Amino acid sequence: MRTISTNDIEKVEVIRGIPSASYGDLTSGVIKIERKIGVSPLQARFKADGFSKQYYVGKGFKIDDNWFITAGADFLDSKATPTDDFENYQRMTASIRSKKKGNLWSNPLEWRSTIDFSSNIDSKKNDPDNGTPDIDKYRQSRTRISLTNNFVYTLDKASFFNNVILNTAIREGFETIDQTKLVQLSGPRSFFH
């Protein structure tokens, strides 16, 4: 949940154990998440509890009878514990998803395409009673941009293969860690010659 908004999830499928070879070389199960693509009214959501505050906005469009586009963005500000204001986590995400259906040589072809942006920021403030707030600091940021395409070509039932699937993905990530901490010696000092 640190990379996608729960408001954009349509369906979750959990496969325990070793999944089929169609998911790749996996040996410890799969959590398959399908995100919403389709016509939907403009949605805005604000959620707040003792641990977090979340803001979300999204909308689904119909371009023509066989083409749908959904866009959404959200911001999450989360705390590890409600009583600790000094450690928090923030996430920003934006996504544009497209689904287009058509025919190729009189067989159905479906094309799904997604552009995702996500940025996470972990930061730690320091308690003035336990640290040196003018010096001590910690901040980690992680940004990811991805473009994925999924083509599913359905063949005749008499064919050797039922479907031909082509998946492509391009991802770029940037990560920064910035930490400064004061470390000082306390207690008696010994000098050796």
N, C-alpha and C. Protein backbone atom coordinates (compact mmCIF):
# COMPACT_ATOMS: atom_id res chain seq x y z
N MET A 1 0.81 -1.20 0.00
CA MET A 1 0.00 0.00 0.00
C MET A 1 0.85 1.27 0.00
N ARG A 2 2.18 1.08 0.01
CA ARG A 2 3.05 2.25 -0.06
C ARG A 2 3.22 2.75 -1.48
N THR A 3 2.73 2.02 -2.47
CA THR A 3 2.95 2.44 -3.86
C THR A 3 1.67 2.73 -4.63
N ILE A 4 0.52 2.19 -4.23
CA ILE A 4 -0.73 2.48 -4.94
C ILE A 4 -1.82 2.84 -3.95
N SER A 5 -2.79 3.57 -4.43
CA SER A 5 -3.92 3.98 -3.61
C SER A 5 -4.95 2.86 -3.55
N THR A 6 -5.50 2.60 -2.38
CA THR A 6 -6.54 1.57 -2.25
C THR A 6 -7.82 1.98 -2.96
N ASN A 7 -8.02 3.26 -3.21
CA ASN A 7 -9.22 3.72 -3.92
C ASN A 7 -9.24 3.28 -5.38
N ASP A 8 -8.08 2.95 -5.94
CA ASP A 8 -7.98 2.55 -7.35
C ASP A 8 -8.07 1.04 -7.54
N ILE A 9 -8.25 0.27 -6.47
CA ILE A 9 -8.25 -1.19 -6.58
C ILE A 9 -9.66 -1.70 -6.90
N GLU A 10 -9.75 -2.51 -7.94
CA GLU A 10 -11.01 -3.14 -8.34
C GLU A 10 -11.14 -4.53 -7.72
N LYS A 11 -10.04 -5.32 -7.76
CA LYS A 11 -10.11 -6.70 -7.30
C LYS A 11 -8.73 -7.15 -6.83
N VAL A 12 -8.70 -7.99 -5.78
CA VAL A 12 -7.46 -8.57 -5.26
C VAL A 12 -7.61 -10.09 -5.27
N GLU A 13 -6.62 -10.79 -5.83
CA GLU A 13 -6.62 -12.25 -5.85
C GLU A 13 -5.34 -12.73 -5.18
N VAL A 14 -5.47 -13.63 -4.20
CA VAL A 14 -4.33 -14.17 -3.47
C VAL A 14 -4.16 -15.63 -3.87
N ILE A 15 -2.97 -15.98 -4.37
CA ILE A 15 -2.64 -17.35 -4.74
C ILE A 15 -1.57 -17.83 -3.77
N ARG A 16 -1.90 -18.82 -2.96
CA ARG A 16 -0.95 -19.36 -1.98
C ARG A 16 -0.11 -20.46 -2.60
N GLY A 17 1.10 -20.60 -2.10
CA GLY A 17 1.98 -21.65 -2.61
C GLY A 17 2.61 -21.27 -3.93
N ILE A 18 2.91 -22.26 -4.74
CA ILE A 18 3.56 -22.04 -6.03
C ILE A 18 2.49 -21.79 -7.08
N PRO A 19 2.46 -20.61 -7.70
CA PRO A 19 1.45 -20.33 -8.73
C PRO A 19 1.82 -20.96 -10.06
N SER A 20 0.93 -20.82 -11.03
CA SER A 20 1.19 -21.40 -12.35
C SER A 20 2.34 -20.66 -13.03
N ALA A 21 2.90 -21.28 -14.05
CA ALA A 21 4.05 -20.72 -14.75
C ALA A 21 3.71 -19.42 -15.47
N SER A 22 2.43 -19.14 -15.68
CA SER A 22 2.06 -17.91 -16.37
C SER A 22 2.42 -16.65 -15.57
N TYR A 23 2.67 -16.81 -14.25
CA TYR A 23 3.07 -15.68 -13.41
C TYR A 23 4.58 -15.53 -13.32
N GLY A 24 5.33 -16.42 -13.95
CA GLY A 24 6.78 -16.33 -13.91
C GLY A 24 7.36 -17.34 -12.93
N ASP A 25 8.62 -17.14 -12.57
CA ASP A 25 9.34 -18.06 -11.71
C ASP A 25 9.14 -17.65 -10.24
N LEU A 26 7.98 -17.95 -9.69
CA LEU A 26 7.65 -17.59 -8.32
C LEU A 26 7.46 -18.84 -7.48
N THR A 27 7.89 -18.79 -6.23
CA THR A 27 7.77 -19.97 -5.36
C THR A 27 7.06 -19.68 -4.05
N SER A 28 6.62 -18.46 -3.83
CA SER A 28 6.02 -18.17 -2.53
C SER A 28 4.66 -17.47 -2.64
N GLY A 29 3.95 -17.68 -3.73
CA GLY A 29 2.61 -17.12 -3.86
C GLY A 29 2.58 -15.81 -4.62
N VAL A 30 1.36 -15.37 -4.90
CA VAL A 30 1.15 -14.15 -5.67
C VAL A 30 -0.01 -13.37 -5.06
N ILE A 31 0.13 -12.07 -5.00
CA ILE A 31 -1.01 -11.19 -4.70
C ILE A 31 -1.24 -10.39 -5.98
N LYS A 32 -2.33 -10.70 -6.67
CA LYS A 32 -2.63 -10.08 -7.96
C LYS A 32 -3.67 -8.97 -7.72
N ILE A 33 -3.31 -7.76 -8.09
CA ILE A 33 -4.18 -6.60 -7.87
C ILE A 33 -4.60 -6.06 -9.23
N GLU A 34 -5.91 -5.97 -9.44
CA GLU A 34 -6.45 -5.35 -10.64
C GLU A 34 -7.00 -3.99 -10.26
N ARG A 35 -6.61 -2.98 -11.02
CA ARG A 35 -7.06 -1.63 -10.72
C ARG A 35 -8.23 -1.23 -11.61
N LYS A 36 -9.01 -0.28 -11.14
CA LYS A 36 -10.22 0.15 -11.84
C LYS A 36 -9.89 0.80 -13.17
N ILE A 37 -10.63 0.40 -14.19
CA ILE A 37 -10.61 1.08 -15.48
C ILE A 37 -12.05 1.07 -15.98
N GLY A 38 -12.62 2.23 -16.19
CA GLY A 38 -13.99 2.31 -16.68
C GLY A 38 -14.61 3.65 -16.36
N VAL A 39 -15.83 3.83 -16.77
CA VAL A 39 -16.55 5.09 -16.55
C VAL A 39 -16.91 5.20 -15.07
N SER A 40 -16.60 6.34 -14.47
CA SER A 40 -16.99 6.60 -13.09
C SER A 40 -17.11 8.11 -12.90
N PRO A 41 -17.98 8.55 -12.01
CA PRO A 41 -18.10 9.98 -11.76
C PRO A 41 -16.87 10.50 -11.03
N LEU A 42 -16.73 11.80 -10.99
CA LEU A 42 -15.63 12.42 -10.25
C LEU A 42 -15.78 12.03 -8.78
N GLN A 43 -14.74 11.44 -8.21
CA GLN A 43 -14.76 11.01 -6.82
C GLN A 43 -13.68 11.75 -6.05
N ALA A 44 -14.03 12.24 -4.89
CA ALA A 44 -13.07 12.86 -3.99
C ALA A 44 -13.28 12.24 -2.62
N ARG A 45 -12.19 11.94 -1.95
CA ARG A 45 -12.29 11.28 -0.65
C ARG A 45 -11.27 11.86 0.31
N PHE A 46 -11.70 12.07 1.53
CA PHE A 46 -10.79 12.46 2.61
C PHE A 46 -11.00 11.48 3.74
N LYS A 47 -9.92 10.88 4.21
CA LYS A 47 -10.01 9.92 5.30
C LYS A 47 -9.01 10.31 6.38
N ALA A 48 -9.45 10.30 7.61
CA ALA A 48 -8.56 10.63 8.72
C ALA A 48 -8.84 9.69 9.88
N ASP A 49 -7.77 9.21 10.49
CA ASP A 49 -7.88 8.44 11.73
C ASP A 49 -6.67 8.79 12.59
N GLY A 50 -6.47 8.05 13.66
CA GLY A 50 -5.35 8.36 14.56
C GLY A 50 -3.99 8.15 13.93
N PHE A 51 -3.93 7.36 12.86
CA PHE A 51 -2.66 7.04 12.24
C PHE A 51 -2.37 7.83 10.98
N SER A 52 -3.41 8.29 10.26
CA SER A 52 -3.12 8.87 8.95
C SER A 52 -4.21 9.84 8.49
N LYS A 53 -3.83 10.60 7.46
CA LYS A 53 -4.75 11.45 6.71
C LYS A 53 -4.53 11.15 5.24
N GLN A 54 -5.63 10.93 4.49
CA GLN A 54 -5.51 10.59 3.08
C GLN A 54 -6.47 11.45 2.26
N TYR A 55 -5.97 11.93 1.13
CA TYR A 55 -6.75 12.73 0.19
C TYR A 55 -6.69 12.02 -1.16
N TYR A 56 -7.85 11.87 -1.81
CA TYR A 56 -7.90 11.16 -3.10
C TYR A 56 -8.88 11.86 -4.03
N VAL A 57 -8.54 11.88 -5.33
CA VAL A 57 -9.46 12.36 -6.36
C VAL A 57 -9.26 11.48 -7.60
N GLY A 58 -10.37 11.11 -8.25
CA GLY A 58 -10.27 10.25 -9.43
C GLY A 58 -11.51 10.34 -10.30
N LYS A 59 -11.38 9.97 -11.57
CA LYS A 59 -12.50 10.00 -12.51
C LYS A 59 -12.22 9.03 -13.65
N GLY A 60 -13.29 8.41 -14.17
CA GLY A 60 -13.20 7.51 -15.32
C GLY A 60 -13.93 8.07 -16.51
N PHE A 61 -13.35 7.96 -17.70
CA PHE A 61 -13.92 8.53 -18.92
C PHE A 61 -14.17 7.44 -19.95
N LYS A 62 -15.14 7.70 -20.82
CA LYS A 62 -15.41 6.83 -21.96
C LYS A 62 -15.05 7.63 -23.22
N ILE A 63 -14.04 7.16 -23.95
CA ILE A 63 -13.63 7.84 -25.18
C ILE A 63 -14.55 7.43 -26.33
N ASP A 64 -14.76 6.12 -26.48
CA ASP A 64 -15.76 5.58 -27.41
C ASP A 64 -16.27 4.27 -26.82
N ASP A 65 -17.04 3.52 -27.59
CA ASP A 65 -17.67 2.30 -27.06
C ASP A 65 -16.66 1.26 -26.59
N ASN A 66 -15.44 1.30 -27.10
CA ASN A 66 -14.45 0.27 -26.77
C ASN A 66 -13.19 0.82 -26.10
N TRP A 67 -13.22 2.08 -25.66
CA TRP A 67 -12.01 2.68 -25.09
C TRP A 67 -12.38 3.47 -23.84
N PHE A 68 -11.72 3.11 -22.72
CA PHE A 68 -11.97 3.76 -21.43
C PHE A 68 -10.65 4.22 -20.82
N ILE A 69 -10.70 5.37 -20.16
CA ILE A 69 -9.52 5.93 -19.47
C ILE A 69 -9.94 6.31 -18.05
N THR A 70 -9.10 5.95 -17.07
CA THR A 70 -9.34 6.30 -15.67
C THR A 70 -8.09 7.00 -15.14
N ALA A 71 -8.30 8.10 -14.41
CA ALA A 71 -7.18 8.84 -13.81
C ALA A 71 -7.46 9.04 -12.33
N GLY A 72 -6.40 8.99 -11.54
CA GLY A 72 -6.55 9.19 -10.10
C GLY A 72 -5.26 9.69 -9.48
N ALA A 73 -5.38 10.40 -8.37
CA ALA A 73 -4.22 10.90 -7.62
C ALA A 73 -4.57 10.90 -6.14
N ASP A 74 -3.56 10.65 -5.30
CA ASP A 74 -3.81 10.71 -3.87
C ASP A 74 -2.56 11.11 -3.11
N PHE A 75 -2.78 11.54 -1.87
CA PHE A 75 -1.71 11.91 -0.95
C PHE A 75 -2.03 11.28 0.40
N LEU A 76 -1.05 10.62 1.00
CA LEU A 76 -1.22 9.98 2.30
C LEU A 76 -0.14 10.49 3.24
N ASP A 77 -0.55 10.93 4.42
CA ASP A 77 0.38 11.33 5.47
C ASP A 77 0.12 10.41 6.65
N SER A 78 1.08 9.53 6.95
CA SER A 78 0.86 8.48 7.94
C SER A 78 1.89 8.57 9.05
N LYS A 79 1.47 8.21 10.26
CA LYS A 79 2.37 8.15 11.40
C LYS A 79 2.48 6.70 11.86
N ALA A 80 3.67 6.30 12.33
CA ALA A 80 3.87 4.93 12.78
C ALA A 80 2.97 4.61 13.98
N THR A 81 2.90 5.52 14.91
CA THR A 81 2.00 5.38 16.06
C THR A 81 1.35 6.73 16.30
N PRO A 82 0.09 6.76 16.76
CA PRO A 82 -0.58 8.05 16.94
C PRO A 82 0.07 8.94 17.99
N THR A 83 0.81 8.33 18.92
CA THR A 83 1.41 9.13 19.99
C THR A 83 2.81 9.64 19.64
N ASP A 84 3.36 9.22 18.50
CA ASP A 84 4.71 9.63 18.10
C ASP A 84 4.62 10.56 16.90
N ASP A 85 4.77 11.86 17.15
CA ASP A 85 4.73 12.86 16.07
C ASP A 85 6.07 12.99 15.37
N PHE A 86 7.08 12.27 15.84
CA PHE A 86 8.43 12.49 15.34
C PHE A 86 8.81 11.55 14.20
N GLU A 87 7.97 10.55 13.91
CA GLU A 87 8.26 9.64 12.80
C GLU A 87 7.03 9.55 11.91
N ASN A 88 7.20 9.86 10.62
CA ASN A 88 6.05 9.81 9.72
C ASN A 88 6.46 9.31 8.34
N TYR A 89 5.44 9.05 7.54
CA TYR A 89 5.62 8.53 6.19
C TYR A 89 4.61 9.23 5.30
N GLN A 90 5.06 9.68 4.14
CA GLN A 90 4.17 10.36 3.21
C GLN A 90 4.28 9.69 1.84
N ARG A 91 3.15 9.59 1.15
CA ARG A 91 3.11 8.99 -0.18
C ARG A 91 2.27 9.86 -1.10
N MET A 92 2.76 10.08 -2.31
CA MET A 92 1.99 10.75 -3.36
C MET A 92 1.95 9.82 -4.56
N THR A 93 0.77 9.61 -5.13
CA THR A 93 0.65 8.77 -6.32
C THR A 93 -0.25 9.43 -7.34
N ALA A 94 0.00 9.13 -8.59
CA ALA A 94 -0.88 9.55 -9.69
C ALA A 94 -0.84 8.45 -10.74
N SER A 95 -1.97 8.21 -11.39
CA SER A 95 -2.06 7.13 -12.34
C SER A 95 -3.05 7.46 -13.45
N ILE A 96 -2.71 7.09 -14.67
CA ILE A 96 -3.63 7.15 -15.80
C ILE A 96 -3.65 5.75 -16.41
N ARG A 97 -4.85 5.16 -16.49
CA ARG A 97 -4.99 3.80 -16.99
C ARG A 97 -5.96 3.79 -18.17
N SER A 98 -5.62 3.00 -19.19
CA SER A 98 -6.42 2.94 -20.40
C SER A 98 -6.71 1.49 -20.76
N LYS A 99 -7.93 1.25 -21.27
CA LYS A 99 -8.29 -0.08 -21.77
C LYS A 99 -9.03 0.10 -23.08
N LYS A 100 -8.51 -0.54 -24.13
CA LYS A 100 -9.13 -0.44 -25.45
C LYS A 100 -9.33 -1.84 -26.01
N LYS A 101 -10.55 -2.10 -26.50
CA LYS A 101 -10.86 -3.40 -27.10
C LYS A 101 -11.10 -3.20 -28.59
N GLY A 102 -10.65 -4.16 -29.37
CA GLY A 102 -10.86 -4.11 -30.81
C GLY A 102 -10.70 -5.50 -31.40
N ASN A 103 -10.57 -5.55 -32.71
CA ASN A 103 -10.40 -6.81 -33.42
C ASN A 103 -9.18 -6.73 -34.31
N LEU A 104 -8.46 -7.85 -34.40
CA LEU A 104 -7.33 -7.98 -35.29
C LEU A 104 -7.50 -9.30 -36.02
N TRP A 105 -7.65 -9.25 -37.36
CA TRP A 105 -7.91 -10.44 -38.16
C TRP A 105 -9.13 -11.20 -37.62
N SER A 106 -10.17 -10.49 -37.29
CA SER A 106 -11.47 -10.98 -36.80
C SER A 106 -11.40 -11.70 -35.45
N ASN A 107 -10.30 -11.53 -34.71
CA ASN A 107 -10.20 -12.06 -33.34
C ASN A 107 -10.06 -10.91 -32.36
N PRO A 108 -10.60 -11.06 -31.14
CA PRO A 108 -10.56 -9.96 -30.16
C PRO A 108 -9.13 -9.65 -29.69
N LEU A 109 -8.85 -8.36 -29.58
CA LEU A 109 -7.57 -7.87 -29.05
C LEU A 109 -7.88 -6.83 -27.99
N GLU A 110 -7.30 -6.99 -26.80
CA GLU A 110 -7.47 -6.01 -25.73
C GLU A 110 -6.11 -5.42 -25.39
N TRP A 111 -6.07 -4.08 -25.28
CA TRP A 111 -4.84 -3.38 -24.95
C TRP A 111 -5.07 -2.57 -23.68
N ARG A 112 -4.28 -2.86 -22.64
CA ARG A 112 -4.31 -2.08 -21.40
C ARG A 112 -2.98 -1.37 -21.26
N SER A 113 -3.04 -0.09 -20.91
CA SER A 113 -1.83 0.71 -20.76
C SER A 113 -1.94 1.54 -19.49
N THR A 114 -0.83 1.69 -18.78
CA THR A 114 -0.83 2.42 -17.51
C THR A 114 0.42 3.28 -17.41
N ILE A 115 0.24 4.51 -16.97
CA ILE A 115 1.34 5.39 -16.59
C ILE A 115 1.17 5.68 -15.11
N ASP A 116 2.19 5.33 -14.32
CA ASP A 116 2.14 5.51 -12.86
C ASP A 116 3.27 6.41 -12.39
N PHE A 117 2.96 7.22 -11.39
CA PHE A 117 3.97 8.02 -10.69
C PHE A 117 3.73 7.80 -9.21
N SER A 118 4.78 7.50 -8.47
CA SER A 118 4.65 7.41 -7.01
C SER A 118 5.90 7.98 -6.37
N SER A 119 5.70 8.64 -5.25
CA SER A 119 6.81 9.22 -4.51
C SER A 119 6.55 9.00 -3.02
N ASN A 120 7.53 8.41 -2.34
CA ASN A 120 7.43 8.15 -0.91
C ASN A 120 8.46 8.99 -0.18
N ILE A 121 8.06 9.51 0.97
CA ILE A 121 8.98 10.29 1.79
C ILE A 121 8.87 9.78 3.22
N ASP A 122 9.96 9.23 3.74
CA ASP A 122 10.04 8.86 5.15
C ASP A 122 10.91 9.91 5.82
N SER A 123 10.42 10.45 6.92
CA SER A 123 11.24 11.42 7.63
C SER A 123 11.10 11.19 9.13
N LYS A 124 12.14 11.56 9.85
CA LYS A 124 12.12 11.41 11.30
C LYS A 124 12.56 12.73 11.91
N LYS A 125 11.69 13.28 12.72
CA LYS A 125 12.04 14.46 13.50
C LYS A 125 12.63 13.97 14.82
N ASN A 126 13.29 14.82 15.52
CA ASN A 126 13.91 14.41 16.76
C ASN A 126 13.25 15.06 17.96
N ASP A 127 13.08 14.27 18.99
CA ASP A 127 12.53 14.74 20.25
C ASP A 127 13.58 15.62 20.92
N PRO A 128 13.26 16.87 21.24
CA PRO A 128 14.27 17.75 21.83
C PRO A 128 14.80 17.23 23.17
N ASP A 129 14.04 16.37 23.86
CA ASP A 129 14.50 15.83 25.14
C ASP A 129 15.47 14.67 24.94
N ASN A 130 15.47 14.04 23.77
CA ASN A 130 16.29 12.85 23.54
C ASN A 130 17.38 13.04 22.50
N GLY A 131 17.44 14.16 21.83
CA GLY A 131 18.41 14.32 20.76
C GLY A 131 18.86 15.75 20.62
N THR A 132 19.49 16.02 19.51
CA THR A 132 19.97 17.37 19.20
C THR A 132 19.21 17.83 17.97
N PRO A 133 18.04 18.48 18.16
CA PRO A 133 17.18 18.78 17.02
C PRO A 133 17.80 19.70 15.98
N ASP A 134 18.77 20.51 16.35
CA ASP A 134 19.38 21.40 15.37
C ASP A 134 20.30 20.63 14.42
N ILE A 135 20.75 19.44 14.83
CA ILE A 135 21.71 18.68 14.04
C ILE A 135 21.10 17.38 13.50
N ASP A 136 20.45 16.60 14.36
CA ASP A 136 19.94 15.28 13.97
C ASP A 136 18.78 15.39 13.00
N LYS A 137 18.84 14.63 11.91
CA LYS A 137 17.73 14.59 10.95
C LYS A 137 17.84 13.33 10.10
N TYR A 138 16.71 12.88 9.60
CA TYR A 138 16.67 11.71 8.71
C TYR A 138 15.55 11.94 7.71
N ARG A 139 15.87 11.71 6.43
CA ARG A 139 14.86 11.84 5.38
C ARG A 139 15.23 10.90 4.24
N GLN A 140 14.26 10.11 3.82
CA GLN A 140 14.45 9.20 2.70
C GLN A 140 13.33 9.45 1.71
N SER A 141 13.67 9.60 0.45
CA SER A 141 12.65 9.77 -0.58
C SER A 141 12.89 8.77 -1.70
N ARG A 142 11.79 8.25 -2.23
CA ARG A 142 11.84 7.26 -3.30
C ARG A 142 10.79 7.64 -4.32
N THR A 143 11.21 7.84 -5.56
CA THR A 143 10.30 8.23 -6.63
C THR A 143 10.37 7.19 -7.74
N ARG A 144 9.21 6.82 -8.27
CA ARG A 144 9.16 5.81 -9.32
C ARG A 144 8.19 6.25 -10.40
N ILE A 145 8.60 6.10 -11.65
CA ILE A 145 7.75 6.39 -12.80
C ILE A 145 7.74 5.13 -13.66
N SER A 146 6.56 4.70 -14.10
CA SER A 146 6.50 3.47 -14.90
C SER A 146 5.46 3.60 -15.99
N LEU A 147 5.73 2.90 -17.08
CA LEU A 147 4.80 2.77 -18.21
C LEU A 147 4.67 1.29 -18.50
N THR A 148 3.46 0.75 -18.43
CA THR A 148 3.23 -0.68 -18.70
C THR A 148 2.18 -0.83 -19.79
N ASN A 149 2.33 -1.87 -20.58
CA ASN A 149 1.36 -2.22 -21.62
C ASN A 149 1.07 -3.71 -21.52
N ASN A 150 -0.16 -4.08 -21.77
CA ASN A 150 -0.58 -5.47 -21.74
C ASN A 150 -1.49 -5.70 -22.94
N PHE A 151 -1.04 -6.60 -23.83
CA PHE A 151 -1.83 -6.95 -25.01
C PHE A 151 -2.30 -8.39 -24.85
N VAL A 152 -3.61 -8.63 -24.99
CA VAL A 152 -4.17 -9.98 -24.94
C VAL A 152 -4.92 -10.21 -26.25
N TYR A 153 -4.42 -11.16 -27.03
CA TYR A 153 -5.01 -11.51 -28.32
C TYR A 153 -5.64 -12.89 -28.18
N THR A 154 -6.97 -12.97 -28.32
CA THR A 154 -7.70 -14.21 -28.14
C THR A 154 -7.89 -14.89 -29.49
N LEU A 155 -7.44 -16.15 -29.55
CA LEU A 155 -7.52 -16.91 -30.80
C LEU A 155 -8.75 -17.82 -30.81
N ASP A 156 -8.98 -18.45 -31.95
CA ASP A 156 -10.10 -19.39 -32.06
C ASP A 156 -9.90 -20.57 -31.12
N LYS A 157 -11.00 -21.17 -30.68
CA LYS A 157 -10.92 -22.31 -29.77
C LYS A 157 -10.24 -23.51 -30.41
N ALA A 158 -10.23 -23.59 -31.72
CA ALA A 158 -9.58 -24.70 -32.42
C ALA A 158 -8.06 -24.51 -32.49
N SER A 159 -7.57 -23.33 -32.11
CA SER A 159 -6.13 -23.06 -32.19
C SER A 159 -5.37 -23.81 -31.10
N PHE A 160 -4.07 -23.97 -31.32
CA PHE A 160 -3.20 -24.63 -30.34
C PHE A 160 -3.13 -23.79 -29.06
N PHE A 161 -3.04 -22.48 -29.20
CA PHE A 161 -3.03 -21.56 -28.07
C PHE A 161 -4.38 -20.85 -27.99
N ASN A 162 -4.87 -20.62 -26.78
CA ASN A 162 -6.12 -19.86 -26.61
C ASN A 162 -5.86 -18.36 -26.69
N ASN A 163 -4.79 -17.91 -26.02
CA ASN A 163 -4.47 -16.48 -25.96
C ASN A 163 -2.99 -16.28 -26.26
N VAL A 164 -2.70 -15.14 -26.85
CA VAL A 164 -1.33 -14.68 -26.98
C VAL A 164 -1.25 -13.40 -26.15
N ILE A 165 -0.33 -13.39 -25.16
CA ILE A 165 -0.22 -12.26 -24.24
C ILE A 165 1.17 -11.65 -24.38
N LEU A 166 1.22 -10.34 -24.51
CA LEU A 166 2.48 -9.61 -24.56
C LEU A 166 2.43 -8.52 -23.49
N ASN A 167 3.39 -8.56 -22.56
CA ASN A 167 3.49 -7.54 -21.51
C ASN A 167 4.79 -6.78 -21.69
N THR A 168 4.73 -5.46 -21.58
CA THR A 168 5.92 -4.63 -21.61
C THR A 168 5.88 -3.69 -20.42
N ALA A 169 7.06 -3.36 -19.90
CA ALA A 169 7.14 -2.43 -18.76
C ALA A 169 8.44 -1.67 -18.82
N ILE A 170 8.34 -0.37 -18.59
CA ILE A 170 9.51 0.50 -18.47
C ILE A 170 9.37 1.21 -17.14
N ARG A 171 10.40 1.09 -16.29
CA ARG A 171 10.35 1.71 -14.96
C ARG A 171 11.65 2.46 -14.70
N GLU A 172 11.52 3.58 -14.04
CA GLU A 172 12.68 4.37 -13.62
C GLU A 172 12.45 4.78 -12.18
N GLY A 173 13.46 4.60 -11.34
CA GLY A 173 13.32 4.95 -9.93
C GLY A 173 14.49 5.79 -9.46
N PHE A 174 14.22 6.63 -8.49
CA PHE A 174 15.22 7.51 -7.89
C PHE A 174 15.06 7.41 -6.37
N GLU A 175 16.17 7.23 -5.67
CA GLU A 175 16.10 7.12 -4.22
C GLU A 175 17.18 7.98 -3.58
N THR A 176 16.81 8.69 -2.52
CA THR A 176 17.74 9.56 -1.81
C THR A 176 17.60 9.32 -0.31
N ILE A 177 18.72 9.16 0.37
CA ILE A 177 18.73 9.05 1.83
C ILE A 177 19.63 10.15 2.36
N ASP A 178 19.12 10.93 3.29
CA ASP A 178 19.88 12.03 3.90
C ASP A 178 19.75 11.90 5.41
N GLN A 179 20.87 11.62 6.08
CA GLN A 179 20.83 11.47 7.54
C GLN A 179 22.03 12.18 8.15
N THR A 180 21.77 12.94 9.19
CA THR A 180 22.81 13.58 9.97
C THR A 180 22.53 13.28 11.43
N LYS A 181 23.56 12.82 12.16
CA LYS A 181 23.38 12.45 13.56
C LYS A 181 24.60 12.87 14.35
N LEU A 182 24.36 13.51 15.46
CA LEU A 182 25.44 13.91 16.36
C LEU A 182 25.79 12.73 17.25
N VAL A 183 27.07 12.34 17.22
CA VAL A 183 27.57 11.28 18.10
C VAL A 183 28.70 11.88 18.91
N GLN A 184 28.58 11.82 20.24
CA GLN A 184 29.62 12.38 21.09
C GLN A 184 29.93 11.42 22.22
N LEU A 185 31.17 11.48 22.70
CA LEU A 185 31.64 10.63 23.76
C LEU A 185 31.29 11.27 25.10
N SER A 186 30.72 10.48 26.00
CA SER A 186 30.45 11.00 27.34
C SER A 186 31.13 10.11 28.36
N GLY A 187 31.50 10.68 29.45
CA GLY A 187 32.19 9.91 30.50
C GLY A 187 33.65 10.25 30.56
N PRO A 188 34.38 9.56 31.43
CA PRO A 188 35.82 9.90 31.62
C PRO A 188 36.62 9.52 30.37
N ARG A 189 37.66 10.29 30.15
CA ARG A 189 38.54 10.05 29.00
C ARG A 189 39.85 9.48 29.47
N SER A 190 40.39 8.54 28.73
CA SER A 190 41.67 7.95 29.05
C SER A 190 42.64 8.30 27.93
N PHE A 191 43.83 8.62 28.34
CA PHE A 191 44.87 8.94 27.36
C PHE A 191 45.98 7.93 27.50
N PHE A 192 46.40 7.32 26.42
CA PHE A 192 47.49 6.35 26.43
C PHE A 192 48.66 6.95 25.66
N HIS A 193 49.86 6.70 26.17
CA HIS A 193 51.08 7.19 25.51
C HIS A 193 51.80 6.06 24.90
